[in-house]
Amino acid sequence: MNTVVLSDAQARYSPDGRALVASSTLARTTEAEVRAEIAAAHGVPAADLDHLTTVTVPGAQPAAVPPLQLRRPVDLGDGLYVCGDHRDTPSIQGAMASGARAARAVLRALRPTPPAASERAS
C-alpha cells in the first residue's frame, strides 16, 4: 500500500483543514484493512480516520511482475524525457522518484558540467 497526505501538498484540497490522505494498493482490500494500514503509517488511531470514498481503477498502475525492471531510463535521447510510475515502482512514490530523476536529467542537459580546472589550464 502507498499513502500520501494530499493536503500537505495543497492545503486547499481539505476545505476544513483536516489532513486529506490518499492511499493506493494493487490488492483488493477492505475498508478496515486500509484504515489500519493508514493509521499505522501515519501514527494515528484507526478510529480517528473518516473514510470518504473508495475508487477501484482497473489498470491504474503498471503491473509489477517478475523480473521487476526498476529505474527504467527517463532520458530517451534527442531531448525527449519521460517520467511516471512506469519508469520506477508502480506507486505514488515511484511516480515522484521518476519525476525527480527526469528533472535531474533535464537539468544536466541544460547545464553541462564545466570542464575541470586541469582542462581549462591547457
PDB file of N, CA and C in Angstrom:
ATOM      1  N   MET A   1       0.847  -1.172   0.000  1.00  0.00           N
ATOM      2  CA  MET A   1       0.000   0.000   0.000  1.00  0.00           C
ATOM      3  C   MET A   1       0.890   1.232   0.000  1.00  0.00           C
ATOM      4  N   ASN A   2       0.469   2.243  -0.739  1.00  0.00           N
ATOM      5  CA  ASN A   2       1.139   3.531  -0.764  1.00  0.00           C
ATOM      6  C   ASN A   2       0.166   4.569  -0.241  1.00  0.00           C
ATOM      7  N   THR A   3       0.686   5.547   0.463  1.00  0.00           N
ATOM      8  CA  THR A   3      -0.170   6.563   1.043  1.00  0.00           C
ATOM      9  C   THR A   3       0.524   7.919   0.962  1.00  0.00           C
ATOM     10  N   VAL A   4      -0.265   8.962   0.799  1.00  0.00           N
ATOM     11  CA  VAL A   4       0.266  10.318   0.730  1.00  0.00           C
ATOM     12  C   VAL A   4      -0.746  11.261   1.372  1.00  0.00           C
ATOM     13  N   VAL A   5      -0.247  12.274   2.064  1.00  0.00           N
ATOM     14  CA  VAL A   5      -1.123  13.293   2.650  1.00  0.00           C
ATOM     15  C   VAL A   5      -1.258  14.401   1.603  1.00  0.00           C
ATOM     16  N   LEU A   6      -2.332  14.345   0.840  1.00  0.00           N
ATOM     17  CA  LEU A   6      -2.540  15.292  -0.253  1.00  0.00           C
ATOM     18  C   LEU A   6      -2.636  16.730   0.232  1.00  0.00           C
ATOM     19  N   SER A   7      -3.221  16.926   1.388  1.00  0.00           N
ATOM     20  CA  SER A   7      -3.384  18.288   1.904  1.00  0.00           C
ATOM     21  C   SER A   7      -2.052  18.899   2.328  1.00  0.00           C
ATOM     22  N   ASP A   8      -1.000  18.095   2.484  1.00  0.00           N
ATOM     23  CA  ASP A   8       0.332  18.649   2.735  1.00  0.00           C
ATOM     24  C   ASP A   8       0.888  19.283   1.460  1.00  0.00           C
ATOM     25  N   ALA A   9       0.513  18.738   0.317  1.00  0.00           N
ATOM     26  CA  ALA A   9       0.950  19.299  -0.964  1.00  0.00           C
ATOM     27  C   ALA A   9       0.122  20.505  -1.350  1.00  0.00           C
ATOM     28  N   GLN A  10      -1.166  20.486  -1.032  1.00  0.00           N
ATOM     29  CA  GLN A  10      -2.072  21.583  -1.378  1.00  0.00           C
ATOM     30  C   GLN A  10      -3.150  21.663  -0.296  1.00  0.00           C
ATOM     31  N   ALA A  11      -3.005  22.638   0.590  1.00  0.00           N
ATOM     32  CA  ALA A  11      -3.909  22.760   1.734  1.00  0.00           C
ATOM     33  C   ALA A  11      -5.366  22.920   1.308  1.00  0.00           C
ATOM     34  N   ARG A  12      -5.618  23.512   0.150  1.00  0.00           N
ATOM     35  CA  ARG A  12      -6.999  23.735  -0.301  1.00  0.00           C
ATOM     36  C   ARG A  12      -7.727  22.435  -0.648  1.00  0.00           C
ATOM     37  N   TYR A  13      -6.998  21.322  -0.765  1.00  0.00           N
ATOM     38  CA  TYR A  13      -7.661  20.046  -1.011  1.00  0.00           C
ATOM     39  C   TYR A  13      -8.543  19.651   0.160  1.00  0.00           C
ATOM     40  N   SER A  14      -8.266  20.215   1.329  1.00  0.00           N
ATOM     41  CA  SER A  14      -9.050  19.914   2.530  1.00  0.00           C
ATOM     42  C   SER A  14      -9.714  21.190   3.012  1.00  0.00           C
ATOM     43  N   PRO A  15     -10.974  21.412   2.645  1.00  0.00           N
ATOM     44  CA  PRO A  15     -11.633  22.670   2.999  1.00  0.00           C
ATOM     45  C   PRO A  15     -11.805  22.898   4.502  1.00  0.00           C
ATOM     46  N   ASP A  16     -11.796  21.832   5.292  1.00  0.00           N
ATOM     47  CA  ASP A  16     -11.986  22.027   6.729  1.00  0.00           C
ATOM     48  C   ASP A  16     -10.677  21.960   7.516  1.00  0.00           C
ATOM     49  N   GLY A  17      -9.529  21.892   6.809  1.00  0.00           N
ATOM     50  CA  GLY A  17      -8.233  21.945   7.475  1.00  0.00           C
ATOM     51  C   GLY A  17      -7.707  20.620   8.007  1.00  0.00           C
ATOM     52  N   ARG A  18      -8.514  19.569   7.910  1.00  0.00           N
ATOM     53  CA  ARG A  18      -8.021  18.262   8.357  1.00  0.00           C
ATOM     54  C   ARG A  18      -7.121  17.659   7.285  1.00  0.00           C
ATOM     55  N   ALA A  19      -6.275  16.721   7.668  1.00  0.00           N
ATOM     56  CA  ALA A  19      -5.399  16.047   6.714  1.00  0.00           C
ATOM     57  C   ALA A  19      -6.233  15.189   5.773  1.00  0.00           C
ATOM     58  N   LEU A  20      -5.970  15.330   4.483  1.00  0.00           N
ATOM     59  CA  LEU A  20      -6.629  14.502   3.478  1.00  0.00           C
ATOM     60  C   LEU A  20      -5.593  13.507   2.963  1.00  0.00           C
ATOM     61  N   VAL A  21      -5.857  12.231   3.199  1.00  0.00           N
ATOM     62  CA  VAL A  21      -4.912  11.166   2.864  1.00  0.00           C
ATOM     63  C   VAL A  21      -5.463  10.342   1.715  1.00  0.00           C
ATOM     64  N   ALA A  22      -4.607  10.084   0.740  1.00  0.00           N
ATOM     65  CA  ALA A  22      -4.969   9.179  -0.356  1.00  0.00           C
ATOM     66  C   ALA A  22      -4.091   7.940  -0.229  1.00  0.00           C
ATOM     67  N   SER A  23      -4.647   6.824  -0.589  1.00  0.00           N
ATOM     68  CA  SER A  23      -3.930   5.564  -0.480  1.00  0.00           C
ATOM     69  C   SER A  23      -4.225   4.722  -1.702  1.00  0.00           C
ATOM     70  N   SER A  24      -3.248   3.949  -2.118  1.00  0.00           N
ATOM     71  CA  SER A  24      -3.477   3.035  -3.238  1.00  0.00           C
ATOM     72  C   SER A  24      -2.856   1.687  -2.929  1.00  0.00           C
ATOM     73  N   THR A  25      -3.454   0.675  -3.503  1.00  0.00           N
ATOM     74  CA  THR A  25      -2.973  -0.680  -3.326  1.00  0.00           C
ATOM     75  C   THR A  25      -3.283  -1.468  -4.588  1.00  0.00           C
ATOM     76  N   LEU A  26      -2.489  -2.459  -4.862  1.00  0.00           N
ATOM     77  CA  LEU A  26      -2.747  -3.307  -6.015  1.00  0.00           C
ATOM     78  C   LEU A  26      -3.712  -4.439  -5.684  1.00  0.00           C
ATOM     79  N   ALA A  27      -3.786  -4.767  -4.398  1.00  0.00           N
ATOM     80  CA  ALA A  27      -4.643  -5.878  -3.969  1.00  0.00           C
ATOM     81  C   ALA A  27      -6.001  -5.366  -3.523  1.00  0.00           C
ATOM     82  N   ARG A  28      -7.012  -6.176  -3.700  1.00  0.00           N
ATOM     83  CA  ARG A  28      -8.337  -5.821  -3.165  1.00  0.00           C
ATOM     84  C   ARG A  28      -8.247  -5.871  -1.649  1.00  0.00           C
ATOM     85  N   THR A  29      -8.716  -4.828  -1.018  1.00  0.00           N
ATOM     86  CA  THR A  29      -8.659  -4.750   0.436  1.00  0.00           C
ATOM     87  C   THR A  29      -9.993  -4.245   0.961  1.00  0.00           C
ATOM     88  N   THR A  30     -10.207  -4.488   2.215  1.00  0.00           N
ATOM     89  CA  THR A  30     -11.417  -3.979   2.852  1.00  0.00           C
ATOM     90  C   THR A  30     -11.136  -2.588   3.406  1.00  0.00           C
ATOM     91  N   GLU A  31     -12.188  -1.862   3.685  1.00  0.00           N
ATOM     92  CA  GLU A  31     -12.020  -0.536   4.293  1.00  0.00           C
ATOM     93  C   GLU A  31     -11.271  -0.656   5.621  1.00  0.00           C
ATOM     94  N   ALA A  32     -11.575  -1.667   6.397  1.00  0.00           N
ATOM     95  CA  ALA A  32     -10.905  -1.855   7.696  1.00  0.00           C
ATOM     96  C   ALA A  32      -9.400  -2.077   7.511  1.00  0.00           C
ATOM     97  N   GLU A  33      -9.022  -2.854   6.488  1.00  0.00           N
ATOM     98  CA  GLU A  33      -7.597  -3.088   6.226  1.00  0.00           C
ATOM     99  C   GLU A  33      -6.891  -1.798   5.816  1.00  0.00           C
ATOM    100  N   VAL A  34      -7.543  -1.042   4.951  1.00  0.00           N
ATOM    101  CA  VAL A  34      -6.956   0.231   4.505  1.00  0.00           C
ATOM    102  C   VAL A  34      -6.829   1.183   5.689  1.00  0.00           C
ATOM    103  N   ARG A  35      -7.875   1.274   6.482  1.00  0.00           N
ATOM    104  CA  ARG A  35      -7.866   2.148   7.658  1.00  0.00           C
ATOM    105  C   ARG A  35      -6.711   1.764   8.600  1.00  0.00           C
ATOM    106  N   ALA A  36      -6.535   0.473   8.836  1.00  0.00           N
ATOM    107  CA  ALA A  36      -5.462   0.010   9.725  1.00  0.00           C
ATOM    108  C   ALA A  36      -4.082   0.333   9.154  1.00  0.00           C
ATOM    109  N   GLU A  37      -3.899   0.149   7.857  1.00  0.00           N
ATOM    110  CA  GLU A  37      -2.610   0.453   7.207  1.00  0.00           C
ATOM    111  C   GLU A  37      -2.298   1.941   7.285  1.00  0.00           C
ATOM    112  N   ILE A  38      -3.285   2.773   6.972  1.00  0.00           N
ATOM    113  CA  ILE A  38      -3.071   4.229   7.017  1.00  0.00           C
ATOM    114  C   ILE A  38      -2.791   4.673   8.444  1.00  0.00           C
ATOM    115  N   ALA A  39      -3.536   4.154   9.388  1.00  0.00           N
ATOM    116  CA  ALA A  39      -3.319   4.504  10.797  1.00  0.00           C
ATOM    117  C   ALA A  39      -1.894   4.154  11.221  1.00  0.00           C
ATOM    118  N   ALA A  40      -1.440   2.960  10.860  1.00  0.00           N
ATOM    119  CA  ALA A  40      -0.088   2.547  11.228  1.00  0.00           C
ATOM    120  C   ALA A  40       0.968   3.420  10.542  1.00  0.00           C
ATOM    121  N   ALA A  41       0.759   3.729   9.265  1.00  0.00           N
ATOM    122  CA  ALA A  41       1.729   4.522   8.518  1.00  0.00           C
ATOM    123  C   ALA A  41       1.847   5.943   9.050  1.00  0.00           C
ATOM    124  N   HIS A  42       0.743   6.485   9.542  1.00  0.00           N
ATOM    125  CA  HIS A  42       0.746   7.879   9.980  1.00  0.00           C
ATOM    126  C   HIS A  42       0.698   8.043  11.496  1.00  0.00           C
ATOM    127  N   GLY A  43       0.736   6.933  12.206  1.00  0.00           N
ATOM    128  CA  GLY A  43       0.801   7.002  13.662  1.00  0.00           C
ATOM    129  C   GLY A  43      -0.424   7.613  14.330  1.00  0.00           C
ATOM    130  N   VAL A  44      -1.592   7.257  13.808  1.00  0.00           N
ATOM    131  CA  VAL A  44      -2.845   7.749  14.397  1.00  0.00           C
ATOM    132  C   VAL A  44      -3.753   6.555  14.668  1.00  0.00           C
ATOM    133  N   PRO A  45      -4.694   6.690  15.579  1.00  0.00           N
ATOM    134  CA  PRO A  45      -5.650   5.600  15.805  1.00  0.00           C
ATOM    135  C   PRO A  45      -6.572   5.432  14.596  1.00  0.00           C
ATOM    136  N   ALA A  46      -6.827   4.212  14.221  1.00  0.00           N
ATOM    137  CA  ALA A  46      -7.711   3.940  13.082  1.00  0.00           C
ATOM    138  C   ALA A  46      -9.090   4.542  13.294  1.00  0.00           C
ATOM    139  N   ALA A  47      -9.537   4.594  14.533  1.00  0.00           N
ATOM    140  CA  ALA A  47     -10.864   5.144  14.833  1.00  0.00           C
ATOM    141  C   ALA A  47     -10.941   6.640  14.555  1.00  0.00           C
ATOM    142  N   ASP A  48      -9.787   7.317  14.466  1.00  0.00           N
ATOM    143  CA  ASP A  48      -9.772   8.762  14.198  1.00  0.00           C
ATOM    144  C   ASP A  48      -9.901   9.082  12.709  1.00  0.00           C
ATOM    145  N   LEU A  49      -9.874   8.067  11.867  1.00  0.00           N
ATOM    146  CA  LEU A  49      -9.927   8.278  10.421  1.00  0.00           C
ATOM    147  C   LEU A  49     -11.356   8.221   9.912  1.00  0.00           C
ATOM    148  N   ASP A  50     -11.709   9.155   9.041  1.00  0.00           N
ATOM    149  CA  ASP A  50     -13.009   9.140   8.370  1.00  0.00           C
ATOM    150  C   ASP A  50     -12.796   8.690   6.940  1.00  0.00           C
ATOM    151  N   HIS A  51     -13.524   7.678   6.519  1.00  0.00           N
ATOM    152  CA  HIS A  51     -13.431   7.196   5.145  1.00  0.00           C
ATOM    153  C   HIS A  51     -14.326   8.046   4.256  1.00  0.00           C
ATOM    154  N   LEU A  52     -13.746   8.605   3.188  1.00  0.00           N
ATOM    155  CA  LEU A  52     -14.541   9.438   2.284  1.00  0.00           C
ATOM    156  C   LEU A  52     -15.072   8.642   1.108  1.00  0.00           C
ATOM    157  N   THR A  53     -14.204   7.904   0.447  1.00  0.00           N
ATOM    158  CA  THR A  53     -14.646   7.129  -0.709  1.00  0.00           C
ATOM    159  C   THR A  53     -13.603   6.088  -1.076  1.00  0.00           C
ATOM    160  N   THR A  54     -14.048   5.109  -1.797  1.00  0.00           N
ATOM    161  CA  THR A  54     -13.155   4.108  -2.374  1.00  0.00           C
ATOM    162  C   THR A  54     -13.409   4.088  -3.870  1.00  0.00           C
ATOM    163  N   VAL A  55     -12.348   4.141  -4.626  1.00  0.00           N
ATOM    164  CA  VAL A  55     -12.458   4.099  -6.078  1.00  0.00           C
ATOM    165  C   VAL A  55     -11.572   2.967  -6.579  1.00  0.00           C
ATOM    166  N   THR A  56     -12.153   2.071  -7.332  1.00  0.00           N
ATOM    167  CA  THR A  56     -11.370   0.990  -7.945  1.00  0.00           C
ATOM    168  C   THR A  56     -11.116   1.365  -9.396  1.00  0.00           C
ATOM    169  N   VAL A  57      -9.842   1.408  -9.743  1.00  0.00           N
ATOM    170  CA  VAL A  57      -9.450   1.789 -11.104  1.00  0.00           C
ATOM    171  C   VAL A  57      -8.626   0.645 -11.689  1.00  0.00           C
ATOM    172  N   PRO A  58      -9.269  -0.235 -12.444  1.00  0.00           N
ATOM    173  CA  PRO A  58      -8.517  -1.348 -13.044  1.00  0.00           C
ATOM    174  C   PRO A  58      -7.420  -0.814 -13.968  1.00  0.00           C
ATOM    175  N   GLY A  59      -6.233  -1.357 -13.823  1.00  0.00           N
ATOM    176  CA  GLY A  59      -5.114  -0.968 -14.676  1.00  0.00           C
ATOM    177  C   GLY A  59      -4.541   0.399 -14.358  1.00  0.00           C
ATOM    178  N   ALA A  60      -4.848   0.951 -13.184  1.00  0.00           N
ATOM    179  CA  ALA A  60      -4.377   2.293 -12.842  1.00  0.00           C
ATOM    180  C   ALA A  60      -2.874   2.339 -12.643  1.00  0.00           C
ATOM    181  N   GLN A  61      -2.296   1.245 -12.230  1.00  0.00           N
ATOM    182  CA  GLN A  61      -0.855   1.200 -12.026  1.00  0.00           C
ATOM    183  C   GLN A  61      -0.272   0.106 -12.907  1.00  0.00           C
ATOM    184  N   PRO A  62       0.936   0.347 -13.413  1.00  0.00           N
ATOM    185  CA  PRO A  62       1.567  -0.687 -14.240  1.00  0.00           C
ATOM    186  C   PRO A  62       1.764  -1.968 -13.437  1.00  0.00           C
ATOM    187  N   ALA A  63       1.660  -3.088 -14.107  1.00  0.00           N
ATOM    188  CA  ALA A  63       1.879  -4.375 -13.443  1.00  0.00           C
ATOM    189  C   ALA A  63       3.337  -4.484 -13.017  1.00  0.00           C
ATOM    190  N   ALA A  64       3.557  -4.987 -11.834  1.00  0.00           N
ATOM    191  CA  ALA A  64       4.912  -5.200 -11.321  1.00  0.00           C
ATOM    192  C   ALA A  64       5.145  -6.700 -11.267  1.00  0.00           C
ATOM    193  N   VAL A  65       5.476  -7.258 -12.405  1.00  0.00           N
ATOM    194  CA  VAL A  65       5.668  -8.704 -12.481  1.00  0.00           C
ATOM    195  C   VAL A  65       7.154  -9.019 -12.585  1.00  0.00           C
ATOM    196  N   PRO A  66       7.569 -10.133 -11.994  1.00  0.00           N
ATOM    197  CA  PRO A  66       8.975 -10.514 -12.064  1.00  0.00           C
ATOM    198  C   PRO A  66       9.377 -10.849 -13.494  1.00  0.00           C
ATOM    199  N   PRO A  67      10.592 -10.590 -13.862  1.00  0.00           N
ATOM    200  CA  PRO A  67      11.589  -9.837 -13.091  1.00  0.00           C
ATOM    201  C   PRO A  67      11.278  -8.352 -13.166  1.00  0.00           C
ATOM    202  N   LEU A  68      11.300  -7.696 -11.997  1.00  0.00           N
ATOM    203  CA  LEU A  68      10.980  -6.273 -11.944  1.00  0.00           C
ATOM    204  C   LEU A  68      12.042  -5.474 -12.688  1.00  0.00           C
ATOM    205  N   GLN A  69      11.603  -4.543 -13.484  1.00  0.00           N
ATOM    206  CA  GLN A  69      12.514  -3.658 -14.204  1.00  0.00           C
ATOM    207  C   GLN A  69      12.390  -2.278 -13.568  1.00  0.00           C
ATOM    208  N   LEU A  70      13.188  -2.073 -12.508  1.00  0.00           N
ATOM    209  CA  LEU A  70      13.131  -0.818 -11.774  1.00  0.00           C
ATOM    210  C   LEU A  70      14.057   0.205 -12.412  1.00  0.00           C
ATOM    211  N   ARG A  71      13.728   1.465 -12.220  1.00  0.00           N
ATOM    212  CA  ARG A  71      14.549   2.588 -12.683  1.00  0.00           C
ATOM    213  C   ARG A  71      14.820   2.522 -14.173  1.00  0.00           C
ATOM    214  N   ARG A  72      13.767   2.412 -14.952  1.00  0.00           N
ATOM    215  CA  ARG A  72      13.900   2.458 -16.409  1.00  0.00           C
ATOM    216  C   ARG A  72      14.353   3.853 -16.815  1.00  0.00           C
ATOM    217  N   PRO A  73      15.053   3.983 -17.916  1.00  0.00           N
ATOM    218  CA  PRO A  73      15.594   5.283 -18.322  1.00  0.00           C
ATOM    219  C   PRO A  73      14.496   6.341 -18.482  1.00  0.00           C
ATOM    220  N   VAL A  74      14.833   7.569 -18.081  1.00  0.00           N
ATOM    221  CA  VAL A  74      13.925   8.701 -18.264  1.00  0.00           C
ATOM    222  C   VAL A  74      14.387   9.590 -19.412  1.00  0.00           C
ATOM    223  N   ASP A  75      15.651   9.480 -19.782  1.00  0.00           N
ATOM    224  CA  ASP A  75      16.208  10.231 -20.914  1.00  0.00           C
ATOM    225  C   ASP A  75      16.175   9.308 -22.124  1.00  0.00           C
ATOM    226  N   LEU A  76      15.252   9.576 -23.042  1.00  0.00           N
ATOM    227  CA  LEU A  76      15.102   8.721 -24.219  1.00  0.00           C
ATOM    228  C   LEU A  76      15.939   9.206 -25.395  1.00  0.00           C
ATOM    229  N   GLY A  77      16.682  10.290 -25.200  1.00  0.00           N
ATOM    230  CA  GLY A  77      17.535  10.831 -26.252  1.00  0.00           C
ATOM    231  C   GLY A  77      16.817  11.866 -27.093  1.00  0.00           C
ATOM    232  N   ASP A  78      17.603  12.624 -27.842  1.00  0.00           N
ATOM    233  CA  ASP A  78      17.068  13.667 -28.728  1.00  0.00           C
ATOM    234  C   ASP A  78      16.172  14.667 -27.997  1.00  0.00           C
ATOM    235  N   GLY A  79      16.511  14.958 -26.722  1.00  0.00           N
ATOM    236  CA  GLY A  79      15.744  15.935 -25.956  1.00  0.00           C
ATOM    237  C   GLY A  79      14.402  15.442 -25.458  1.00  0.00           C
ATOM    238  N   LEU A  80      14.164  14.143 -25.522  1.00  0.00           N
ATOM    239  CA  LEU A  80      12.895  13.574 -25.067  1.00  0.00           C
ATOM    240  C   LEU A  80      13.078  12.925 -23.704  1.00  0.00           C
ATOM    241  N   TYR A  81      12.292  13.399 -22.730  1.00  0.00           N
ATOM    242  CA  TYR A  81      12.343  12.879 -21.370  1.00  0.00           C
ATOM    243  C   TYR A  81      10.955  12.389 -20.992  1.00  0.00           C
ATOM    244  N   VAL A  82      10.903  11.359 -20.181  1.00  0.00           N
ATOM    245  CA  VAL A  82       9.625  10.787 -19.783  1.00  0.00           C
ATOM    246  C   VAL A  82       9.707  10.417 -18.302  1.00  0.00           C
ATOM    247  N   CYS A  83       8.587  10.557 -17.614  1.00  0.00           N
ATOM    248  CA  CYS A  83       8.566  10.144 -16.212  1.00  0.00           C
ATOM    249  C   CYS A  83       7.183   9.576 -15.892  1.00  0.00           C
ATOM    250  N   GLY A  84       7.110   8.889 -14.802  1.00  0.00           N
ATOM    251  CA  GLY A  84       5.863   8.281 -14.346  1.00  0.00           C
ATOM    252  C   GLY A  84       6.168   7.010 -13.599  1.00  0.00           C
ATOM    253  N   ASP A  85       5.144   6.461 -12.963  1.00  0.00           N
ATOM    254  CA  ASP A  85       5.397   5.255 -12.173  1.00  0.00           C
ATOM    255  C   ASP A  85       5.788   4.066 -13.045  1.00  0.00           C
ATOM    256  N   HIS A  86       5.576   4.156 -14.346  1.00  0.00           N
ATOM    257  CA  HIS A  86       6.004   3.075 -15.239  1.00  0.00           C
ATOM    258  C   HIS A  86       7.519   3.087 -15.450  1.00  0.00           C
ATOM    259  N   ARG A  87       8.223   4.120 -14.973  1.00  0.00           N
ATOM    260  CA  ARG A  87       9.681   4.202 -15.095  1.00  0.00           C
ATOM    261  C   ARG A  87      10.358   3.759 -13.805  1.00  0.00           C
ATOM    262  N   ASP A  88       9.630   3.599 -12.721  1.00  0.00           N
ATOM    263  CA  ASP A  88      10.161   3.205 -11.413  1.00  0.00           C
ATOM    264  C   ASP A  88       9.247   2.135 -10.849  1.00  0.00           C
ATOM    265  N   THR A  89       8.873   2.290  -9.599  1.00  0.00           N
ATOM    266  CA  THR A  89       7.935   1.345  -9.000  1.00  0.00           C
ATOM    267  C   THR A  89       6.507   1.815  -9.267  1.00  0.00           C
ATOM    268  N   PRO A  90       5.569   0.922  -9.493  1.00  0.00           N
ATOM    269  CA  PRO A  90       4.188   1.339  -9.752  1.00  0.00           C
ATOM    270  C   PRO A  90       3.531   1.839  -8.471  1.00  0.00           C
ATOM    271  N   SER A  91       3.692   3.147  -8.232  1.00  0.00           N
ATOM    272  CA  SER A  91       3.197   3.732  -6.992  1.00  0.00           C
ATOM    273  C   SER A  91       3.304   5.244  -7.079  1.00  0.00           C
ATOM    274  N   ILE A  92       2.714   5.912  -6.106  1.00  0.00           N
ATOM    275  CA  ILE A  92       2.879   7.357  -5.997  1.00  0.00           C
ATOM    276  C   ILE A  92       4.356   7.664  -5.809  1.00  0.00           C
ATOM    277  N   GLN A  93       5.009   6.909  -4.933  1.00  0.00           N
ATOM    278  CA  GLN A  93       6.440   7.105  -4.683  1.00  0.00           C
ATOM    279  C   GLN A  93       7.245   6.904  -5.962  1.00  0.00           C
ATOM    280  N   GLY A  94       6.900   5.890  -6.742  1.00  0.00           N
ATOM    281  CA  GLY A  94       7.608   5.641  -7.999  1.00  0.00           C
ATOM    282  C   GLY A  94       7.437   6.787  -8.975  1.00  0.00           C
ATOM    283  N   ALA A  95       6.240   7.343  -9.037  1.00  0.00           N
ATOM    284  CA  ALA A  95       5.993   8.488  -9.922  1.00  0.00           C
ATOM    285  C   ALA A  95       6.813   9.683  -9.472  1.00  0.00           C
ATOM    286  N   MET A  96       6.854   9.939  -8.171  1.00  0.00           N
ATOM    287  CA  MET A  96       7.631  11.070  -7.666  1.00  0.00           C
ATOM    288  C   MET A  96       9.125  10.856  -7.891  1.00  0.00           C
ATOM    289  N   ALA A  97       9.616   9.647  -7.638  1.00  0.00           N
ATOM    290  CA  ALA A  97      11.039   9.358  -7.846  1.00  0.00           C
ATOM    291  C   ALA A  97      11.406   9.498  -9.321  1.00  0.00           C
ATOM    292  N   SER A  98      10.561   9.012 -10.182  1.00  0.00           N
ATOM    293  CA  SER A  98      10.802   9.119 -11.616  1.00  0.00           C
ATOM    294  C   SER A  98      10.792  10.577 -12.061  1.00  0.00           C
ATOM    295  N   GLY A  99       9.866  11.364 -11.541  1.00  0.00           N
ATOM    296  CA  GLY A  99       9.820  12.785 -11.865  1.00  0.00           C
ATOM    297  C   GLY A  99      11.085  13.505 -11.434  1.00  0.00           C
ATOM    298  N   ALA A 100      11.580  13.163 -10.255  1.00  0.00           N
ATOM    299  CA  ALA A 100      12.823  13.773  -9.772  1.00  0.00           C
ATOM    300  C   ALA A 100      14.001  13.364 -10.659  1.00  0.00           C
ATOM    301  N   ARG A 101      14.045  12.103 -11.062  1.00  0.00           N
ATOM    302  CA  ARG A 101      15.132  11.658 -11.952  1.00  0.00           C
ATOM    303  C   ARG A 101      15.055  12.362 -13.301  1.00  0.00           C
ATOM    304  N   ALA A 102      13.854  12.535 -13.836  1.00  0.00           N
ATOM    305  CA  ALA A 102      13.694  13.218 -15.117  1.00  0.00           C
ATOM    306  C   ALA A 102      14.112  14.685 -14.991  1.00  0.00           C
ATOM    307  N   ALA A 103      13.730  15.330 -13.892  1.00  0.00           N
ATOM    308  CA  ALA A 103      14.115  16.732 -13.684  1.00  0.00           C
ATOM    309  C   ALA A 103      15.632  16.867 -13.616  1.00  0.00           C
ATOM    310  N   ARG A 104      16.300  15.950 -12.900  1.00  0.00           N
ATOM    311  CA  ARG A 104      17.771  15.998 -12.826  1.00  0.00           C
ATOM    312  C   ARG A 104      18.391  15.777 -14.196  1.00  0.00           C
ATOM    313  N   ALA A 105      17.825  14.883 -14.980  1.00  0.00           N
ATOM    314  CA  ALA A 105      18.348  14.624 -16.325  1.00  0.00           C
ATOM    315  C   ALA A 105      18.205  15.860 -17.210  1.00  0.00           C
ATOM    316  N   VAL A 106      17.075  16.540 -17.122  1.00  0.00           N
ATOM    317  CA  VAL A 106      16.866  17.765 -17.908  1.00  0.00           C
ATOM    318  C   VAL A 106      17.860  18.834 -17.463  1.00  0.00           C
ATOM    319  N   LEU A 107      18.034  18.994 -16.151  1.00  0.00           N
ATOM    320  CA  LEU A 107      18.985  19.994 -15.658  1.00  0.00           C
ATOM    321  C   LEU A 107      20.409  19.689 -16.121  1.00  0.00           C
ATOM    322  N   ARG A 108      20.796  18.416 -16.112  1.00  0.00           N
ATOM    323  CA  ARG A 108      22.133  18.041 -16.605  1.00  0.00           C
ATOM    324  C   ARG A 108      22.284  18.427 -18.076  1.00  0.00           C
ATOM    325  N   ALA A 109      21.224  18.219 -18.848  1.00  0.00           N
ATOM    326  CA  ALA A 109      21.283  18.550 -20.270  1.00  0.00           C
ATOM    327  C   ALA A 109      21.351  20.065 -20.485  1.00  0.00           C
ATOM    328  N   LEU A 110      20.658  20.826 -19.654  1.00  0.00           N
ATOM    329  CA  LEU A 110      20.650  22.275 -19.800  1.00  0.00           C
ATOM    330  C   LEU A 110      21.900  22.943 -19.237  1.00  0.00           C
ATOM    331  N   ARG A 111      22.474  22.316 -18.216  1.00  0.00           N
ATOM    332  CA  ARG A 111      23.674  22.870 -17.570  1.00  0.00           C
ATOM    333  C   ARG A 111      24.766  21.824 -17.532  1.00  0.00           C
ATOM    334  N   PRO A 112      25.444  21.599 -18.662  1.00  0.00           N
ATOM    335  CA  PRO A 112      26.516  20.583 -18.668  1.00  0.00           C
ATOM    336  C   PRO A 112      27.583  20.940 -17.642  1.00  0.00           C
ATOM    337  N   THR A 113      28.262  19.936 -17.164  1.00  0.00           N
ATOM    338  CA  THR A 113      29.320  20.116 -16.162  1.00  0.00           C
ATOM    339  C   THR A 113      30.448  20.930 -16.782  1.00  0.00           C
ATOM    340  N   PRO A 114      30.915  21.990 -16.084  1.00  0.00           N
ATOM    341  CA  PRO A 114      32.033  22.767 -16.622  1.00  0.00           C
ATOM    342  C   PRO A 114      33.293  21.913 -16.648  1.00  0.00           C
ATOM    343  N   PRO A 115      34.227  22.219 -17.530  1.00  0.00           N
ATOM    344  CA  PRO A 115      35.457  21.431 -17.572  1.00  0.00           C
ATOM    345  C   PRO A 115      36.233  21.556 -16.271  1.00  0.00           C
ATOM    346  N   ALA A 116      36.970  20.518 -15.947  1.00  0.00           N
ATOM    347  CA  ALA A 116      37.783  20.518 -14.732  1.00  0.00           C
ATOM    348  C   ALA A 116      38.874  21.580 -14.862  1.00  0.00           C
ATOM    349  N   ALA A 117      39.429  22.015 -13.736  1.00  0.00           N
ATOM    350  CA  ALA A 117      40.451  23.061 -13.719  1.00  0.00           C
ATOM    351  C   ALA A 117      41.647  22.681 -14.583  1.00  0.00           C
ATOM    352  N   SER A 118      42.038  21.411 -14.565  1.00  0.00           N
ATOM    353  CA  SER A 118      43.196  20.970 -15.354  1.00  0.00           C
ATOM    354  C   SER A 118      42.920  21.093 -16.855  1.00  0.00           C
ATOM    355  N   GLU A 119      41.650  20.898 -17.262  1.00  0.00           N
ATOM    356  CA  GLU A 119      41.294  21.011 -18.677  1.00  0.00           C
ATOM    357  C   GLU A 119      41.277  22.475 -19.120  1.00  0.00           C
ATOM    358  N   ARG A 120      40.915  23.394 -18.213  1.00  0.00           N
ATOM    359  CA  ARG A 120      40.855  24.815 -18.555  1.00  0.00           C
ATOM    360  C   ARG A 120      42.252  25.410 -18.686  1.00  0.00           C
ATOM    361  N   ALA A 121      43.217  24.855 -17.984  1.00  0.00           N
ATOM    362  CA  ALA A 121      44.586  25.390 -17.990  1.00  0.00           C
ATOM    363  C   ALA A 121      45.281  25.115 -19.313  1.00  0.00           C
ATOM    364  N   SER A 122      44.847  24.131 -20.057  1.00  0.00           N
ATOM    365  CA  SER A 122      45.562  23.790 -21.297  1.00  0.00           C
ATOM    366  C   SER A 122      45.154  24.625 -22.469  1.00  0.00           C
TER     367      SER A 122
END
